[in-house]
Amino acid sequence: MSSSKFRLAALGVVAGVVVAASVLVTGARAAPLAAYPNPAPVTGSTGAHDPAVVKAGNGTYLLLTTGNNLPIRTSRDRVNWQNAGVVWPNGASWTTAYTNGSRNLWAPDISFRNGQFYLYYSASTFGSQRSAIFLATSPTGAAGSWTHRGLVIESSGSVNFNAIDPNLVVDSAGQWWLSFGSFWTGIKAVRLDPATGMRSASDTAIRALAQRQTANGAIEAPFVYAHGGFYYLFVAFDLCCRGATSTYRVMVGRSTSPTGPYTDRAGTALTSGGGTEILAGHGSIHGPGHPAVVADNGQDVLFYHYYADNGAARLGINLLGWDSSGWPFVI
């Protein structure tokens, strides 16, 4: 979200689901397609902003999105999605100082660690740098089961970043990192304490991962994903939340460290405006962005949101392929 965002995503591939058959076949491709593919068909409750997905131990997918009190959806097959309540049925009073009293919370990031679900999410208002990222945990991920753990990081006019759009990555050494950021000086990362999920007390450095020098600094929605010995930083360039006129597009760079330096395919540093485009608007798919990648049954699945011709936000899901040089492309 650019200081307030709305995003989404999802895809579906399961044995016996005919709509995904062609995706399963093309999933073996070793080179990108000549044109961007459409998202895979999804059904049910598929209007969503800023999606985040995790697969529970029982095989159920949990999809959390931007919205009042953080809506939850579930699926058994990544195709059909059903409403399943909200994270905070009784509201989240600790966030209202950042939302001007609104219940609208942004850009959740969900994962399963240490035997429980971890949820990072942000609170702000559109265009404001008065923002905060909070942590909650749950043993089940179900509506109303979440415990508020506290404020992780906040921003204001006294700093050069915006504390929204969190994403947790655990590196190969077991260290936890939280990336975040929107506009201003771009994407940042801080170290977390794996024992608590909160910000490290011994390492408080704020590390720069990516920044635009053009387009009014329009970069946000980071997601770090480990693959093949690299960490890939997926981000959204340009503008969200304008319906069919949205210009979001998905960019990527990579590094051997979760904290960078990240470079694109041409070798340009992401801190110098670099980024390799892997998905952009095409046909009736407008402004795809807010990427998230999930490893599932030997496949790498890209979740994102896009806008239909009528301006409605939709859940988008595709598989990712990897070319011979180790760069991702959308299938």
C-alpha atoms as a PDB file:
ATOM      1  CA  MET A   1       0.000   0.000   0.000  1.00  0.00           C
ATOM      2  CA  SER A   2       1.315   3.398  -0.687  1.00  0.00           C
ATOM      3  CA  SER A   3       0.644   4.725   2.780  1.00  0.00           C
ATOM      4  CA  SER A   4      -2.675   3.040   2.660  1.00  0.00           C
ATOM      5  CA  LYS A   5      -3.137   0.105   0.473  1.00  0.00           C
ATOM      6  CA  PHE A   6      -5.408  -2.377  -0.737  1.00  0.00           C
ATOM      7  CA  ARG A   7      -4.166  -5.622  -2.268  1.00  0.00           C
ATOM      8  CA  LEU A   8      -4.907  -9.238  -2.799  1.00  0.00           C
ATOM      9  CA  ALA A   9      -3.961 -12.623  -4.149  1.00  0.00           C
ATOM     10  CA  ALA A  10      -4.425 -16.373  -4.498  1.00  0.00           C
ATOM     11  CA  LEU A  11      -4.187 -19.325  -6.976  1.00  0.00           C
ATOM     12  CA  GLY A  12      -5.445 -22.817  -7.084  1.00  0.00           C
ATOM     13  CA  VAL A  13      -3.847 -26.082  -8.032  1.00  0.00           C
ATOM     14  CA  VAL A  14      -5.082 -29.346  -6.582  1.00  0.00           C
ATOM     15  CA  ALA A  15      -5.425 -32.863  -7.900  1.00  0.00           C
ATOM     16  CA  GLY A  16      -8.673 -33.197  -9.782  1.00  0.00           C
ATOM     17  CA  VAL A  17      -9.151 -29.462 -10.342  1.00  0.00           C
ATOM     18  CA  VAL A  18      -9.435 -29.141 -14.108  1.00  0.00           C
ATOM     19  CA  VAL A  19      -8.852 -25.390 -14.256  1.00  0.00           C
ATOM     20  CA  ALA A  20      -5.253 -25.838 -13.087  1.00  0.00           C
ATOM     21  CA  ALA A  21      -4.279 -28.612 -15.467  1.00  0.00           C
ATOM     22  CA  SER A  22      -2.584 -26.336 -17.973  1.00  0.00           C
ATOM     23  CA  VAL A  23      -0.653 -24.644 -15.165  1.00  0.00           C
ATOM     24  CA  LEU A  24       0.674 -27.979 -13.979  1.00  0.00           C
ATOM     25  CA  VAL A  25       1.913 -28.780 -17.472  1.00  0.00           C
ATOM     26  CA  THR A  26       3.571 -25.437 -18.109  1.00  0.00           C
ATOM     27  CA  GLY A  27       5.056 -25.427 -14.624  1.00  0.00           C
ATOM     28  CA  ALA A  28       8.005 -27.375 -16.052  1.00  0.00           C
ATOM     29  CA  ARG A  29       8.995 -24.528 -18.401  1.00  0.00           C
ATOM     30  CA  ALA A  30      12.558 -23.254 -18.030  1.00  0.00           C
ATOM     31  CA  ALA A  31      12.026 -19.907 -19.744  1.00  0.00           C
ATOM     32  CA  PRO A  32       9.519 -17.076 -19.428  1.00  0.00           C
ATOM     33  CA  LEU A  33       6.483 -16.823 -21.659  1.00  0.00           C
ATOM     34  CA  ALA A  34       6.383 -14.166 -24.382  1.00  0.00           C
ATOM     35  CA  ALA A  35       3.496 -12.363 -22.656  1.00  0.00           C
ATOM     36  CA  TYR A  36       2.241 -12.195 -19.097  1.00  0.00           C
ATOM     37  CA  PRO A  37      -0.344 -14.888 -18.321  1.00  0.00           C
ATOM     38  CA  ASN A  38      -3.692 -14.212 -16.716  1.00  0.00           C
ATOM     39  CA  PRO A  39      -4.232 -15.281 -13.113  1.00  0.00           C
ATOM     40  CA  ALA A  40      -5.519 -18.791 -12.532  1.00  0.00           C
ATOM     41  CA  PRO A  41      -9.284 -19.079 -11.943  1.00  0.00           C
ATOM     42  CA  VAL A  42     -10.442 -18.751  -8.342  1.00  0.00           C
ATOM     43  CA  THR A  43     -13.946 -18.926  -6.886  1.00  0.00           C
ATOM     44  CA  GLY A  44     -15.895 -17.941  -3.796  1.00  0.00           C
ATOM     45  CA  SER A  45     -14.806 -14.913  -1.804  1.00  0.00           C
ATOM     46  CA  THR A  46     -12.089 -13.601  -4.104  1.00  0.00           C
ATOM     47  CA  GLY A  47     -12.246  -9.842  -3.675  1.00  0.00           C
ATOM     48  CA  ALA A  48      -9.273  -9.012  -1.493  1.00  0.00           C
ATOM     49  CA  HIS A  49      -6.556  -6.413  -0.885  1.00  0.00           C
ATOM     50  CA  ASP A  50      -2.997  -7.102   0.246  1.00  0.00           C
ATOM     51  CA  PRO A  51      -3.152 -10.877   0.526  1.00  0.00           C
ATOM     52  CA  ALA A  52      -0.972 -13.061   2.695  1.00  0.00           C
ATOM     53  CA  VAL A  53      -1.241 -16.851   2.674  1.00  0.00           C
ATOM     54  CA  VAL A  54      -0.023 -19.711   4.808  1.00  0.00           C
ATOM     55  CA  LYS A  55      -0.831 -23.416   4.676  1.00  0.00           C
ATOM     56  CA  ALA A  56      -1.815 -24.939   8.005  1.00  0.00           C
ATOM     57  CA  GLY A  57      -0.772 -28.404   9.104  1.00  0.00           C
ATOM     58  CA  ASN A  58      -4.227 -29.792   8.284  1.00  0.00           C
ATOM     59  CA  GLY A  59      -3.875 -28.695   4.659  1.00  0.00           C
ATOM     60  CA  THR A  60      -6.132 -25.640   4.951  1.00  0.00           C
ATOM     61  CA  TYR A  61      -4.896 -22.410   3.393  1.00  0.00           C
ATOM     62  CA  LEU A  62      -5.380 -19.228   5.415  1.00  0.00           C
ATOM     63  CA  LEU A  63      -5.646 -15.998   3.433  1.00  0.00           C
ATOM     64  CA  LEU A  64      -5.523 -12.729   5.359  1.00  0.00           C
ATOM     65  CA  THR A  65      -6.147  -9.380   3.715  1.00  0.00           C
ATOM     66  CA  THR A  66      -6.349  -5.669   4.321  1.00  0.00           C
ATOM     67  CA  GLY A  67      -9.755  -4.681   5.721  1.00  0.00           C
ATOM     68  CA  ASN A  68     -11.746  -3.969   8.847  1.00  0.00           C
ATOM     69  CA  ASN A  69     -10.186  -5.929  11.728  1.00  0.00           C
ATOM     70  CA  LEU A  70      -8.215  -8.049   9.191  1.00  0.00           C
ATOM     71  CA  PRO A  71     -10.511 -10.428   7.271  1.00  0.00           C
ATOM     72  CA  ILE A  72      -9.681 -14.145   7.079  1.00  0.00           C
ATOM     73  CA  ARG A  73     -10.524 -16.541   4.253  1.00  0.00           C
ATOM     74  CA  THR A  74      -9.855 -20.262   4.024  1.00  0.00           C
ATOM     75  CA  SER A  75      -9.495 -22.801   1.223  1.00  0.00           C
ATOM     76  CA  ARG A  76      -8.790 -26.500   0.899  1.00  0.00           C
ATOM     77  CA  ASP A  77      -7.536 -26.334  -2.677  1.00  0.00           C
ATOM     78  CA  ARG A  78      -6.245 -22.785  -3.381  1.00  0.00           C
ATOM     79  CA  VAL A  79      -9.164 -22.378  -5.787  1.00  0.00           C
ATOM     80  CA  ASN A  80     -12.326 -21.871  -3.735  1.00  0.00           C
ATOM     81  CA  TRP A  81     -12.094 -19.332  -0.901  1.00  0.00           C
ATOM     82  CA  GLN A  82     -14.593 -18.883   1.911  1.00  0.00           C
ATOM     83  CA  ASN A  83     -15.014 -16.103   4.475  1.00  0.00           C
ATOM     84  CA  ALA A  84     -13.871 -17.160   7.960  1.00  0.00           C
ATOM     85  CA  GLY A  85     -14.355 -14.097  10.145  1.00  0.00           C
ATOM     86  CA  VAL A  86     -11.740 -11.564  11.208  1.00  0.00           C
ATOM     87  CA  VAL A  87      -8.611 -11.567  13.335  1.00  0.00           C
ATOM     88  CA  TRP A  88     -10.024  -9.030  15.809  1.00  0.00           C
ATOM     89  CA  PRO A  89     -13.819  -9.545  16.250  1.00  0.00           C
ATOM     90  CA  ASN A  90     -13.802  -7.021  19.087  1.00  0.00           C
ATOM     91  CA  GLY A  91     -11.572  -4.529  17.306  1.00  0.00           C
ATOM     92  CA  ALA A  92      -7.928  -3.559  17.880  1.00  0.00           C
ATOM     93  CA  SER A  93      -7.973  -0.485  20.115  1.00  0.00           C
ATOM     94  CA  TRP A  94      -4.159  -0.224  20.192  1.00  0.00           C
ATOM     95  CA  THR A  95      -4.157   0.627  16.467  1.00  0.00           C
ATOM     96  CA  THR A  96      -6.639   3.484  16.420  1.00  0.00           C
ATOM     97  CA  ALA A  97      -4.074   6.163  17.259  1.00  0.00           C
ATOM     98  CA  TYR A  98      -2.541   5.415  13.842  1.00  0.00           C
ATOM     99  CA  THR A  99      -5.797   4.904  11.901  1.00  0.00           C
ATOM    100  CA  ASN A 100      -7.699   7.973  13.168  1.00  0.00           C
ATOM    101  CA  GLY A 101     -10.203   5.593  14.740  1.00  0.00           C
ATOM    102  CA  SER A 102     -10.752   3.453  11.648  1.00  0.00           C
ATOM    103  CA  ARG A 103     -10.948  -0.347  11.913  1.00  0.00           C
ATOM    104  CA  ASN A 104      -9.197  -0.705   8.541  1.00  0.00           C
ATOM    105  CA  LEU A 105      -5.874  -2.497   9.071  1.00  0.00           C
ATOM    106  CA  TRP A 106      -3.372  -3.132   6.306  1.00  0.00           C
ATOM    107  CA  ALA A 107      -1.044  -5.559   4.630  1.00  0.00           C
ATOM    108  CA  PRO A 108      -0.958  -8.628   6.903  1.00  0.00           C
ATOM    109  CA  ASP A 109       1.953 -11.067   6.752  1.00  0.00           C
ATOM    110  CA  ILE A 110       1.268 -14.545   8.136  1.00  0.00           C
ATOM    111  CA  SER A 111       3.558 -17.535   8.703  1.00  0.00           C
ATOM    112  CA  PHE A 112       3.811 -20.568  10.977  1.00  0.00           C
ATOM    113  CA  ARG A 113       6.844 -20.647  13.277  1.00  0.00           C
ATOM    114  CA  ASN A 114       7.675 -22.223  16.626  1.00  0.00           C
ATOM    115  CA  GLY A 115       4.379 -24.099  16.711  1.00  0.00           C
ATOM    116  CA  GLN A 116       2.170 -21.048  16.235  1.00  0.00           C
ATOM    117  CA  PHE A 117       1.018 -18.550  13.631  1.00  0.00           C
ATOM    118  CA  TYR A 118       2.771 -15.188  13.511  1.00  0.00           C
ATOM    119  CA  LEU A 119       0.923 -12.207  12.083  1.00  0.00           C
ATOM    120  CA  TYR A 120       2.565  -8.876  11.325  1.00  0.00           C
ATOM    121  CA  TYR A 121       0.263  -6.101  10.137  1.00  0.00           C
ATOM    122  CA  SER A 122       0.218  -2.332   9.781  1.00  0.00           C
ATOM    123  CA  ALA A 123      -1.927   0.592  10.870  1.00  0.00           C
ATOM    124  CA  SER A 124      -1.925   3.992   9.184  1.00  0.00           C
ATOM    125  CA  THR A 125      -3.994   6.345   7.039  1.00  0.00           C
ATOM    126  CA  PHE A 126      -3.625   7.027   3.338  1.00  0.00           C
ATOM    127  CA  GLY A 127      -0.592   9.179   2.554  1.00  0.00           C
ATOM    128  CA  SER A 128       0.535   9.412   6.178  1.00  0.00           C
ATOM    129  CA  GLN A 129       3.946   8.598   7.621  1.00  0.00           C
ATOM    130  CA  ARG A 130       2.370   8.178  11.059  1.00  0.00           C
ATOM    131  CA  SER A 131       2.324   4.395  10.815  1.00  0.00           C
ATOM    132  CA  ALA A 132       2.978   1.291  12.893  1.00  0.00           C
ATOM    133  CA  ILE A 133       3.590  -2.432  12.534  1.00  0.00           C
ATOM    134  CA  PHE A 134       2.221  -4.795  15.169  1.00  0.00           C
ATOM    135  CA  LEU A 135       2.625  -8.508  15.967  1.00  0.00           C
ATOM    136  CA  ALA A 136      -0.040 -11.039  16.945  1.00  0.00           C
ATOM    137  CA  THR A 137       0.194 -14.798  17.477  1.00  0.00           C
ATOM    138  CA  SER A 138      -2.313 -17.647  17.451  1.00  0.00           C
ATOM    139  CA  PRO A 139      -2.204 -21.418  17.991  1.00  0.00           C
ATOM    140  CA  THR A 140      -4.796 -22.025  15.246  1.00  0.00           C
ATOM    141  CA  GLY A 141      -5.037 -18.939  13.006  1.00  0.00           C
ATOM    142  CA  ALA A 142      -8.814 -18.870  13.506  1.00  0.00           C
ATOM    143  CA  ALA A 143     -10.902 -15.743  13.964  1.00  0.00           C
ATOM    144  CA  GLY A 144     -10.779 -14.463  17.534  1.00  0.00           C
ATOM    145  CA  SER A 145      -7.891 -16.739  18.537  1.00  0.00           C
ATOM    146  CA  TRP A 146      -5.182 -14.093  18.178  1.00  0.00           C
ATOM    147  CA  THR A 147      -3.157 -12.542  21.000  1.00  0.00           C
ATOM    148  CA  HIS A 148      -1.822  -8.995  20.639  1.00  0.00           C
ATOM    149  CA  ARG A 149       1.939  -9.087  21.256  1.00  0.00           C
ATOM    150  CA  GLY A 150       2.771  -5.435  20.805  1.00  0.00           C
ATOM    151  CA  LEU A 151       4.259  -2.709  18.649  1.00  0.00           C
ATOM    152  CA  VAL A 152       7.243  -3.819  16.546  1.00  0.00           C
ATOM    153  CA  ILE A 153       8.201  -0.537  14.850  1.00  0.00           C
ATOM    154  CA  GLU A 154       6.562   2.803  14.106  1.00  0.00           C
ATOM    155  CA  SER A 155       7.299   5.809  11.924  1.00  0.00           C
ATOM    156  CA  SER A 156       6.584   9.525  11.913  1.00  0.00           C
ATOM    157  CA  GLY A 157       7.894  12.666  10.266  1.00  0.00           C
ATOM    158  CA  SER A 158      11.061  12.380  12.349  1.00  0.00           C
ATOM    159  CA  VAL A 159      12.353   9.375  10.370  1.00  0.00           C
ATOM    160  CA  ASN A 160      12.946   8.734   6.660  1.00  0.00           C
ATOM    161  CA  PHE A 161      10.825   5.583   6.266  1.00  0.00           C
ATOM    162  CA  ASN A 162       7.192   4.494   6.491  1.00  0.00           C
ATOM    163  CA  ALA A 163       6.406   1.544   8.775  1.00  0.00           C
ATOM    164  CA  ILE A 164       3.834  -0.390   6.735  1.00  0.00           C
ATOM    165  CA  ASP A 165       3.835  -3.524   4.555  1.00  0.00           C
ATOM    166  CA  PRO A 166       5.707  -5.946   6.834  1.00  0.00           C
ATOM    167  CA  ASN A 167       7.205  -9.259   5.722  1.00  0.00           C
ATOM    168  CA  LEU A 168       9.035 -11.793   7.877  1.00  0.00           C
ATOM    169  CA  VAL A 169      11.860 -13.924   6.494  1.00  0.00           C
ATOM    170  CA  VAL A 170      13.964 -16.431   8.441  1.00  0.00           C
ATOM    171  CA  ASP A 171      17.417 -16.850   6.945  1.00  0.00           C
ATOM    172  CA  SER A 172      19.507 -20.009   6.595  1.00  0.00           C
ATOM    173  CA  ALA A 173      21.152 -19.362   9.974  1.00  0.00           C
ATOM    174  CA  GLY A 174      17.789 -19.108  11.723  1.00  0.00           C
ATOM    175  CA  GLN A 175      17.916 -15.339  12.126  1.00  0.00           C
ATOM    176  CA  TRP A 176      14.627 -13.437  11.763  1.00  0.00           C
ATOM    177  CA  TRP A 177      14.321 -10.282   9.653  1.00  0.00           C
ATOM    178  CA  LEU A 178      11.367  -7.981   9.034  1.00  0.00           C
ATOM    179  CA  SER A 179      11.282  -6.038   5.774  1.00  0.00           C
ATOM    180  CA  PHE A 180       8.828  -3.174   5.337  1.00  0.00           C
ATOM    181  CA  GLY A 181       8.374   0.186   3.683  1.00  0.00           C
ATOM    182  CA  SER A 182       6.423   2.378   1.319  1.00  0.00           C
ATOM    183  CA  PHE A 183       7.598   5.465  -0.599  1.00  0.00           C
ATOM    184  CA  TRP A 184       9.835   7.912   1.321  1.00  0.00           C
ATOM    185  CA  THR A 185      13.334   6.305   1.219  1.00  0.00           C
ATOM    186  CA  GLY A 186      11.988   2.906   0.275  1.00  0.00           C
ATOM    187  CA  ILE A 187      12.285  -0.603   1.644  1.00  0.00           C
ATOM    188  CA  LYS A 188      14.005  -1.268   4.956  1.00  0.00           C
ATOM    189  CA  ALA A 189      14.774  -4.264   7.182  1.00  0.00           C
ATOM    190  CA  VAL A 190      15.271  -4.741  10.919  1.00  0.00           C
ATOM    191  CA  ARG A 191      16.441  -7.714  12.932  1.00  0.00           C
ATOM    192  CA  LEU A 192      13.917  -9.534  15.104  1.00  0.00           C
ATOM    193  CA  ASP A 193      14.364 -11.680  18.196  1.00  0.00           C
ATOM    194  CA  PRO A 194      13.351 -15.258  17.224  1.00  0.00           C
ATOM    195  CA  ALA A 195      12.302 -15.964  20.815  1.00  0.00           C
ATOM    196  CA  THR A 196       9.637 -13.258  20.790  1.00  0.00           C
ATOM    197  CA  GLY A 197       9.117 -12.165  17.180  1.00  0.00           C
ATOM    198  CA  MET A 198       9.674  -8.594  18.354  1.00  0.00           C
ATOM    199  CA  ARG A 199      12.443  -6.207  17.353  1.00  0.00           C
ATOM    200  CA  SER A 200      15.940  -7.140  18.500  1.00  0.00           C
ATOM    201  CA  ALA A 201      17.155  -5.176  21.516  1.00  0.00           C
ATOM    202  CA  SER A 202      20.821  -5.796  20.691  1.00  0.00           C
ATOM    203  CA  ASP A 203      20.737  -4.928  16.966  1.00  0.00           C
ATOM    204  CA  THR A 204      18.524  -1.930  16.264  1.00  0.00           C
ATOM    205  CA  ALA A 205      20.036  -0.961  12.903  1.00  0.00           C
ATOM    206  CA  ILE A 206      17.637  -0.090  10.093  1.00  0.00           C
ATOM    207  CA  ARG A 207      19.030  -1.501   6.859  1.00  0.00           C
ATOM    208  CA  ALA A 208      18.217  -0.171   3.379  1.00  0.00           C
ATOM    209  CA  LEU A 209      17.071  -2.811   0.848  1.00  0.00           C
ATOM    210  CA  ALA A 210      15.582  -0.852  -2.092  1.00  0.00           C
ATOM    211  CA  GLN A 211      14.698   2.680  -3.137  1.00  0.00           C
ATOM    212  CA  ARG A 212      13.306   4.479  -6.202  1.00  0.00           C
ATOM    213  CA  GLN A 213      15.041   7.668  -7.327  1.00  0.00           C
ATOM    214  CA  THR A 214      12.221   8.418  -9.769  1.00  0.00           C
ATOM    215  CA  ALA A 215       8.402   8.201  -9.853  1.00  0.00           C
ATOM    216  CA  ASN A 216       8.153  10.041  -6.516  1.00  0.00           C
ATOM    217  CA  GLY A 217       9.804   7.084  -4.829  1.00  0.00           C
ATOM    218  CA  ALA A 218       6.900   4.732  -5.649  1.00  0.00           C
ATOM    219  CA  ILE A 219       8.089   1.412  -4.229  1.00  0.00           C
ATOM    220  CA  GLU A 220       6.480  -0.704  -1.500  1.00  0.00           C
ATOM    221  CA  ALA A 221       5.136  -4.110  -0.453  1.00  0.00           C
ATOM    222  CA  PRO A 222       8.392  -6.076  -0.011  1.00  0.00           C
ATOM    223  CA  PHE A 223       8.464  -9.861   0.155  1.00  0.00           C
ATOM    224  CA  VAL A 224      11.727 -11.794   0.614  1.00  0.00           C
ATOM    225  CA  TYR A 225      11.831 -15.398  -0.611  1.00  0.00           C
ATOM    226  CA  ALA A 226      14.744 -17.858  -0.467  1.00  0.00           C
ATOM    227  CA  HIS A 227      15.405 -19.995  -3.543  1.00  0.00           C
ATOM    228  CA  GLY A 228      18.462 -21.730  -4.994  1.00  0.00           C
ATOM    229  CA  GLY A 229      21.040 -20.084  -2.746  1.00  0.00           C
ATOM    230  CA  PHE A 230      19.653 -16.552  -3.195  1.00  0.00           C
ATOM    231  CA  TYR A 231      17.195 -14.335  -1.394  1.00  0.00           C
ATOM    232  CA  TYR A 232      14.784 -12.719  -3.836  1.00  0.00           C
ATOM    233  CA  LEU A 233      13.240  -9.363  -2.939  1.00  0.00           C
ATOM    234  CA  PHE A 234       9.859  -8.933  -4.635  1.00  0.00           C
ATOM    235  CA  VAL A 235       8.385  -5.420  -4.526  1.00  0.00           C
ATOM    236  CA  ALA A 236       5.646  -3.346  -6.127  1.00  0.00           C
ATOM    237  CA  PHE A 237       6.563  -0.322  -8.252  1.00  0.00           C
ATOM    238  CA  ASP A 238       4.209   2.583  -9.022  1.00  0.00           C
ATOM    239  CA  LEU A 239       0.638   3.165  -7.867  1.00  0.00           C
ATOM    240  CA  CYS A 240      -1.986   1.013  -6.180  1.00  0.00           C
ATOM    241  CA  CYS A 241      -5.568   1.657  -5.160  1.00  0.00           C
ATOM    242  CA  ARG A 242      -6.815   3.495  -8.265  1.00  0.00           C
ATOM    243  CA  GLY A 243      -9.023   0.782  -9.662  1.00  0.00           C
ATOM    244  CA  ALA A 244      -8.504   0.069 -13.352  1.00  0.00           C
ATOM    245  CA  THR A 245      -6.102   3.022 -13.634  1.00  0.00           C
ATOM    246  CA  SER A 246      -3.714   1.500 -11.072  1.00  0.00           C
ATOM    247  CA  THR A 247      -0.153   1.113 -12.365  1.00  0.00           C
ATOM    248  CA  TYR A 248       1.287  -1.372  -9.865  1.00  0.00           C
ATOM    249  CA  ARG A 249       3.771  -3.886 -11.284  1.00  0.00           C
ATOM    250  CA  VAL A 250       5.868  -6.609  -9.667  1.00  0.00           C
ATOM    251  CA  MET A 251       9.651  -6.221  -9.658  1.00  0.00           C
ATOM    252  CA  VAL A 252      12.426  -8.401  -8.260  1.00  0.00           C
ATOM    253  CA  GLY A 253      16.092  -8.372  -7.331  1.00  0.00           C
ATOM    254  CA  ARG A 254      18.278 -10.894  -5.554  1.00  0.00           C
ATOM    255  CA  SER A 255      21.119 -11.183  -3.056  1.00  0.00           C
ATOM    256  CA  THR A 256      23.065 -13.853  -1.198  1.00  0.00           C
ATOM    257  CA  SER A 257      21.987 -12.155   2.056  1.00  0.00           C
ATOM    258  CA  PRO A 258      18.453 -11.342   3.250  1.00  0.00           C
ATOM    259  CA  THR A 259      19.649  -7.815   4.034  1.00  0.00           C
ATOM    260  CA  GLY A 260      21.232  -7.240   0.632  1.00  0.00           C
ATOM    261  CA  PRO A 261      22.760  -5.765  -1.364  1.00  0.00           C
ATOM    262  CA  TYR A 262      20.048  -6.683  -3.882  1.00  0.00           C
ATOM    263  CA  THR A 263      20.650  -6.275  -7.610  1.00  0.00           C
ATOM    264  CA  ASP A 264      18.436  -6.835 -10.636  1.00  0.00           C
ATOM    265  CA  ARG A 265      19.138  -8.985 -13.702  1.00  0.00           C
ATOM    266  CA  ALA A 266      21.184  -6.174 -15.273  1.00  0.00           C
ATOM    267  CA  GLY A 267      23.286  -5.775 -12.135  1.00  0.00           C
ATOM    268  CA  THR A 268      21.705  -2.499 -10.994  1.00  0.00           C
ATOM    269  CA  ALA A 269      21.368  -2.134  -7.245  1.00  0.00           C
ATOM    270  CA  LEU A 270      17.797  -1.976  -5.973  1.00  0.00           C
ATOM    271  CA  THR A 271      18.938   0.833  -3.669  1.00  0.00           C
ATOM    272  CA  SER A 272      19.728   2.764  -6.873  1.00  0.00           C
ATOM    273  CA  GLY A 273      16.325   2.235  -8.466  1.00  0.00           C
ATOM    274  CA  GLY A 274      16.995  -1.211  -9.943  1.00  0.00           C
ATOM    275  CA  GLY A 275      14.426  -3.957 -10.358  1.00  0.00           C
ATOM    276  CA  THR A 276      13.541  -6.579 -12.967  1.00  0.00           C
ATOM    277  CA  GLU A 277       9.875  -6.582 -13.961  1.00  0.00           C
ATOM    278  CA  ILE A 278       8.118  -9.970 -13.862  1.00  0.00           C
ATOM    279  CA  LEU A 279       4.451  -8.951 -13.955  1.00  0.00           C
ATOM    280  CA  ALA A 280       2.555  -5.856 -15.098  1.00  0.00           C
ATOM    281  CA  GLY A 281      -0.879  -4.865 -16.296  1.00  0.00           C
ATOM    282  CA  HIS A 282      -2.122  -6.593 -19.455  1.00  0.00           C
ATOM    283  CA  GLY A 283      -5.543  -6.882 -21.053  1.00  0.00           C
ATOM    284  CA  SER A 284      -8.159  -6.768 -18.311  1.00  0.00           C
ATOM    285  CA  ILE A 285      -5.578  -7.297 -15.558  1.00  0.00           C
ATOM    286  CA  HIS A 286      -4.782  -3.861 -14.147  1.00  0.00           C
ATOM    287  CA  GLY A 287      -2.150  -2.915 -11.597  1.00  0.00           C
ATOM    288  CA  PRO A 288      -1.022  -6.323 -10.316  1.00  0.00           C
ATOM    289  CA  GLY A 289       1.022  -5.968  -7.153  1.00  0.00           C
ATOM    290  CA  HIS A 290       1.640  -6.592  -3.466  1.00  0.00           C
ATOM    291  CA  PRO A 291       3.433  -9.865  -4.230  1.00  0.00           C
ATOM    292  CA  ALA A 292       3.808 -12.804  -1.867  1.00  0.00           C
ATOM    293  CA  VAL A 293       5.373 -16.187  -2.654  1.00  0.00           C
ATOM    294  CA  VAL A 294       4.489 -19.488  -0.988  1.00  0.00           C
ATOM    295  CA  ALA A 295       6.241 -22.834  -1.438  1.00  0.00           C
ATOM    296  CA  ASP A 296       3.566 -25.509  -1.770  1.00  0.00           C
ATOM    297  CA  ASN A 297       3.863 -29.159  -2.838  1.00  0.00           C
ATOM    298  CA  GLY A 298       7.039 -28.541  -4.823  1.00  0.00           C
ATOM    299  CA  GLN A 299       5.680 -25.425  -6.519  1.00  0.00           C
ATOM    300  CA  ASP A 300       6.416 -21.763  -5.935  1.00  0.00           C
ATOM    301  CA  VAL A 301       3.115 -19.891  -5.928  1.00  0.00           C
ATOM    302  CA  LEU A 302       2.816 -16.131  -6.481  1.00  0.00           C
ATOM    303  CA  PHE A 303      -0.093 -14.332  -4.804  1.00  0.00           C
ATOM    304  CA  TYR A 304      -0.958 -10.743  -5.660  1.00  0.00           C
ATOM    305  CA  HIS A 305      -3.873  -8.448  -6.250  1.00  0.00           C
ATOM    306  CA  TYR A 306      -5.057  -6.771  -9.427  1.00  0.00           C
ATOM    307  CA  TYR A 307      -8.018  -4.689 -10.589  1.00  0.00           C
ATOM    308  CA  ALA A 308     -10.701  -5.720 -13.067  1.00  0.00           C
ATOM    309  CA  ASP A 309     -12.047  -3.434 -15.799  1.00  0.00           C
ATOM    310  CA  ASN A 310     -14.790  -2.280 -13.422  1.00  0.00           C
ATOM    311  CA  GLY A 311     -12.213  -1.246 -10.823  1.00  0.00           C
ATOM    312  CA  ALA A 312     -12.905  -4.109  -8.412  1.00  0.00           C
ATOM    313  CA  ALA A 313      -9.892  -5.587  -6.638  1.00  0.00           C
ATOM    314  CA  ARG A 314      -9.387  -9.275  -7.318  1.00  0.00           C
ATOM    315  CA  LEU A 315      -7.305 -12.129  -5.973  1.00  0.00           C
ATOM    316  CA  GLY A 316      -4.539 -13.174  -8.368  1.00  0.00           C
ATOM    317  CA  ILE A 317      -2.537 -16.395  -8.287  1.00  0.00           C
ATOM    318  CA  ASN A 318       0.073 -17.839 -10.626  1.00  0.00           C
ATOM    319  CA  LEU A 319       2.928 -20.267 -10.392  1.00  0.00           C
ATOM    320  CA  LEU A 320       6.521 -19.083 -10.656  1.00  0.00           C
ATOM    321  CA  GLY A 321       9.089 -20.677 -12.947  1.00  0.00           C
ATOM    322  CA  TRP A 322      12.851 -20.161 -12.739  1.00  0.00           C
ATOM    323  CA  ASP A 323      15.037 -19.679 -15.807  1.00  0.00           C
ATOM    324  CA  SER A 324      18.497 -21.135 -16.376  1.00  0.00           C
ATOM    325  CA  SER A 325      20.097 -18.123 -14.665  1.00  0.00           C
ATOM    326  CA  GLY A 326      17.924 -18.501 -11.592  1.00  0.00           C
ATOM    327  CA  TRP A 327      15.528 -15.615 -12.227  1.00  0.00           C
ATOM    328  CA  PRO A 328      11.790 -16.027 -11.595  1.00  0.00           C
ATOM    329  CA  PHE A 329       9.064 -15.627 -14.197  1.00  0.00           C
ATOM    330  CA  VAL A 330       5.295 -15.878 -13.968  1.00  0.00           C
ATOM    331  CA  ILE A 331       3.535 -18.887 -15.470  1.00  0.00           C
END
